[in-house]
Amino acid sequence: MSTEFLLTTLVIVATPGTGVLYTLAAGLARGARASVVAAFGCTLGIVPHMIAAITGLAALLHASAVAFQTIKYAGVAYLLYMAWSSLRNGGGLTVDEDEAPRSAARVIGAGVLVNLLNPKLTIFFFAFLPQFVVSGESGATVQMLQLSAVFMAVTFAVFAVYGLFAAAFRRRVIERPRVVTWMQRSFGGAFVLLAGRLALTQR
């Protein structure tokens, strides 16, 4: 495992995007446990992209404008839904000890969709992983699986840190009505911006 791969992976994962934003929101809205569950869901969302890249489906996605646009706009629609969810009814940014917590399955499902509906992630895996596979050696598929596992482990660890950091400030932030309103609008606006960026993405 090269140091270059680990450093590149860390930079890519730590750069704020939809997964980081979702994990931060989960930590602020529902606490430490939810943030870790959200990080796990976002990590699971990488698996289909990894499989697509390793099996060569990324090449088809890159070549097919229809397939790429279909997944892309499904992702845009979901991000806009996330923006709407962040704004409606407080977006879940409330602290109520009597309120039933959102099920882990729902948190994981939303996290999976956040990463699943991003076609650029498949193409990224297709372009990124082969650079670190040692040429001339057998077992290239095994090497890519190993690299993917490391990428996923780093993703989970970094996202969990983001989420736990947000959860640590949960009450201090959310118990202030003006801060709650600002956070709702900020998360909603951020999801809209990410949706716009994805909509403008070309293959």
Protein backbone atom coordinates (compact mmCIF):
# COMPACT_ATOMS: atom_id res chain seq x y z
CA MET A 1 0.00 0.00 0.00
CA SER A 2 1.70 3.19 -1.16
CA THR A 3 1.89 6.34 0.93
CA GLU A 4 0.84 8.28 -2.16
CA PHE A 5 -2.41 6.32 -2.36
CA LEU A 6 -3.19 6.89 1.32
CA LEU A 7 -2.49 10.63 1.14
CA THR A 8 -4.47 11.05 -2.07
CA THR A 9 -7.37 9.10 -0.58
CA LEU A 10 -7.33 11.19 2.59
CA VAL A 11 -7.41 14.45 0.63
CA ILE A 12 -10.24 13.24 -1.59
CA VAL A 13 -12.33 11.91 1.30
CA ALA A 14 -11.74 14.89 3.60
CA THR A 15 -12.81 17.40 0.94
CA PRO A 16 -16.36 18.43 1.89
CA GLY A 17 -19.06 17.06 -0.38
CA THR A 18 -22.52 15.55 -0.15
CA GLY A 19 -21.43 12.71 2.13
CA VAL A 20 -19.69 15.02 4.58
CA LEU A 21 -22.65 17.39 4.55
CA TYR A 22 -25.10 14.56 5.23
CA THR A 23 -22.98 13.21 8.10
CA LEU A 24 -22.64 16.66 9.66
CA ALA A 25 -26.40 17.14 9.44
CA ALA A 26 -27.01 13.76 11.08
CA GLY A 27 -24.63 14.59 13.91
CA LEU A 28 -26.23 17.97 14.56
CA ALA A 29 -29.79 16.71 14.28
CA ARG A 30 -29.62 13.35 16.05
CA GLY A 31 -26.33 13.01 17.88
CA ALA A 32 -23.19 10.89 17.82
CA ARG A 33 -24.80 7.51 17.11
CA ALA A 34 -26.71 8.84 14.11
CA SER A 35 -23.57 10.48 12.74
CA VAL A 36 -21.65 7.19 12.83
CA VAL A 37 -24.60 5.37 11.24
CA ALA A 38 -24.75 8.07 8.54
CA ALA A 39 -21.01 7.68 7.89
CA PHE A 40 -21.54 3.93 7.53
CA GLY A 41 -24.39 4.52 5.06
CA CYS A 42 -22.29 6.87 2.94
CA THR A 43 -19.50 4.29 2.94
CA LEU A 44 -21.89 1.57 1.76
CA GLY A 45 -22.91 3.89 -1.06
CA ILE A 46 -19.38 3.53 -2.44
CA VAL A 47 -19.73 -0.23 -2.97
CA PRO A 48 -21.81 -0.10 -6.20
CA HIS A 49 -19.34 2.39 -7.72
CA MET A 50 -16.43 0.18 -6.73
CA ILE A 51 -18.06 -2.87 -8.30
CA ALA A 52 -18.92 -0.90 -11.44
CA ALA A 53 -15.34 0.28 -11.81
CA ILE A 54 -13.81 -3.14 -11.24
CA THR A 55 -16.19 -4.91 -13.62
CA GLY A 56 -15.77 -2.30 -16.32
CA LEU A 57 -19.28 -0.85 -16.09
CA ALA A 58 -17.77 2.60 -15.57
CA ALA A 59 -16.54 2.52 -19.15
CA LEU A 60 -20.11 1.92 -20.34
CA LEU A 61 -21.39 4.71 -18.13
CA HIS A 62 -18.75 7.03 -19.52
CA ALA A 63 -19.64 6.09 -23.09
CA SER A 64 -23.42 6.20 -22.70
CA ALA A 65 -24.79 9.72 -22.45
CA VAL A 66 -28.29 8.43 -21.63
CA ALA A 67 -27.11 6.27 -18.72
CA PHE A 68 -24.93 9.05 -17.33
CA GLN A 69 -27.65 11.71 -17.60
CA THR A 70 -30.27 9.42 -16.05
CA ILE A 71 -28.19 8.74 -12.95
CA LYS A 72 -26.99 12.32 -12.79
CA TYR A 73 -30.45 13.87 -12.75
CA ALA A 74 -31.71 11.28 -10.30
CA GLY A 75 -28.90 12.47 -8.05
CA VAL A 76 -29.84 16.11 -8.64
CA ALA A 77 -33.46 15.37 -7.73
CA TYR A 78 -32.40 13.59 -4.54
CA LEU A 79 -30.13 16.44 -3.46
CA LEU A 80 -32.97 18.90 -4.01
CA TYR A 81 -35.16 16.64 -1.90
CA MET A 82 -32.48 16.75 0.81
CA ALA A 83 -32.50 20.54 0.60
CA TRP A 84 -36.28 20.61 0.98
CA SER A 85 -36.08 18.17 3.90
CA SER A 86 -33.52 20.41 5.60
CA LEU A 87 -35.91 23.35 5.49
CA ARG A 88 -39.30 21.82 6.21
CA ASN A 89 -40.46 21.40 9.80
CA GLY A 90 -37.10 22.43 11.14
CA GLY A 91 -35.30 19.89 9.01
CA GLY A 92 -34.94 17.59 12.03
CA LEU A 93 -32.64 20.06 13.78
CA THR A 94 -34.37 19.84 17.14
CA VAL A 95 -33.51 18.35 20.50
CA ASP A 96 -36.39 16.41 22.02
CA GLU A 97 -35.58 13.58 24.38
CA ASP A 98 -39.10 12.16 24.06
CA GLU A 99 -39.02 11.99 20.28
CA ALA A 100 -38.48 8.54 18.78
CA PRO A 101 -35.11 8.44 17.03
CA ARG A 102 -34.99 7.94 13.31
CA SER A 103 -34.33 4.29 12.52
CA ALA A 104 -30.80 3.27 11.61
CA ALA A 105 -32.12 1.74 8.39
CA ARG A 106 -33.51 5.09 7.23
CA VAL A 107 -30.31 6.93 8.10
CA ILE A 108 -28.21 4.32 6.29
CA GLY A 109 -30.58 4.28 3.31
CA ALA A 110 -30.34 8.03 2.87
CA GLY A 111 -26.56 7.88 3.20
CA VAL A 112 -26.34 5.16 0.54
CA LEU A 113 -28.45 7.21 -1.87
CA VAL A 114 -26.30 10.30 -1.33
CA ASN A 115 -23.29 8.50 -2.82
CA LEU A 116 -25.10 6.02 -5.05
CA LEU A 117 -26.74 8.69 -7.22
CA ASN A 118 -23.48 10.31 -8.21
CA PRO A 119 -22.22 8.91 -11.54
CA LYS A 120 -18.96 10.83 -11.25
CA LEU A 121 -17.97 8.59 -8.35
CA THR A 122 -18.02 5.52 -10.59
CA ILE A 123 -15.90 7.24 -13.21
CA PHE A 124 -13.59 8.49 -10.46
CA PHE A 125 -13.02 4.94 -9.26
CA PHE A 126 -12.46 3.83 -12.83
CA ALA A 127 -9.74 6.47 -13.30
CA PHE A 128 -8.30 6.53 -9.78
CA LEU A 129 -7.78 2.91 -8.73
CA PRO A 130 -5.85 1.62 -11.79
CA GLN A 131 -3.14 4.24 -11.18
CA PHE A 132 -2.13 2.37 -8.02
CA VAL A 133 -2.33 -1.17 -9.36
CA VAL A 134 1.15 -2.58 -9.95
CA SER A 135 1.47 -3.35 -13.65
CA GLY A 136 2.84 -6.68 -14.72
CA GLU A 137 1.52 -8.49 -11.67
CA SER A 138 -1.30 -11.00 -11.62
CA GLY A 139 -4.36 -10.45 -9.51
CA ALA A 140 -5.17 -6.89 -10.59
CA THR A 141 -8.76 -7.40 -9.47
CA VAL A 142 -7.61 -8.43 -6.00
CA GLN A 143 -5.39 -5.37 -5.83
CA MET A 144 -8.28 -3.09 -6.78
CA LEU A 145 -10.49 -4.73 -4.16
CA GLN A 146 -7.84 -4.15 -1.52
CA LEU A 147 -7.40 -0.51 -2.53
CA SER A 148 -11.17 -0.04 -2.53
CA ALA A 149 -11.42 -1.51 0.96
CA VAL A 150 -8.81 0.97 2.20
CA PHE A 151 -10.64 3.83 0.48
CA MET A 152 -13.89 2.81 2.17
CA ALA A 153 -12.22 2.46 5.58
CA VAL A 154 -10.74 5.95 5.28
CA THR A 155 -14.11 7.29 4.14
CA PHE A 156 -15.89 5.83 7.14
CA ALA A 157 -13.25 7.08 9.59
CA VAL A 158 -13.14 10.63 8.22
CA PHE A 159 -16.91 10.95 7.91
CA ALA A 160 -17.37 9.61 11.44
CA VAL A 161 -14.94 12.22 12.77
CA TYR A 162 -16.87 14.96 10.98
CA GLY A 163 -20.14 13.66 12.40
CA LEU A 164 -18.88 13.20 15.95
CA PHE A 165 -17.43 16.71 15.90
CA ALA A 166 -20.81 18.08 14.87
CA ALA A 167 -22.59 15.97 17.51
CA ALA A 168 -20.29 17.37 20.22
CA PHE A 169 -21.69 20.84 19.57
CA ARG A 170 -25.26 19.63 19.02
CA ARG A 171 -27.01 21.13 22.01
CA ARG A 172 -24.92 24.29 22.07
CA VAL A 173 -25.91 24.99 18.46
CA ILE A 174 -29.45 23.68 18.21
CA GLU A 175 -30.87 25.09 21.43
CA ARG A 176 -30.44 28.61 19.99
CA PRO A 177 -33.44 29.35 17.71
CA ARG A 178 -31.56 31.80 15.50
CA VAL A 179 -28.71 29.36 15.02
CA VAL A 180 -31.21 26.62 14.17
CA THR A 181 -32.75 28.79 11.47
CA TRP A 182 -29.31 29.65 10.10
CA MET A 183 -28.29 25.99 10.06
CA GLN A 184 -31.50 24.96 8.27
CA ARG A 185 -30.93 27.52 5.56
CA SER A 186 -27.23 26.74 5.30
CA PHE A 187 -27.75 23.00 4.88
CA GLY A 188 -30.63 23.58 2.47
CA GLY A 189 -28.58 26.02 0.42
CA ALA A 190 -25.54 23.73 0.43
CA PHE A 191 -27.59 20.83 -0.93
CA VAL A 192 -28.99 23.11 -3.64
CA LEU A 193 -25.46 24.21 -4.61
CA LEU A 194 -24.28 20.61 -4.74
CA ALA A 195 -27.29 19.71 -6.89
CA GLY A 196 -26.43 22.56 -9.24
CA ARG A 197 -22.82 21.47 -9.46
CA LEU A 198 -23.85 17.89 -10.24
CA ALA A 199 -26.34 19.11 -12.86
CA LEU A 200 -23.55 20.98 -14.64
CA THR A 201 -21.19 18.01 -14.50
CA GLN A 202 -20.13 16.58 -17.83
CA ARG A 203 -18.69 13.16 -18.47
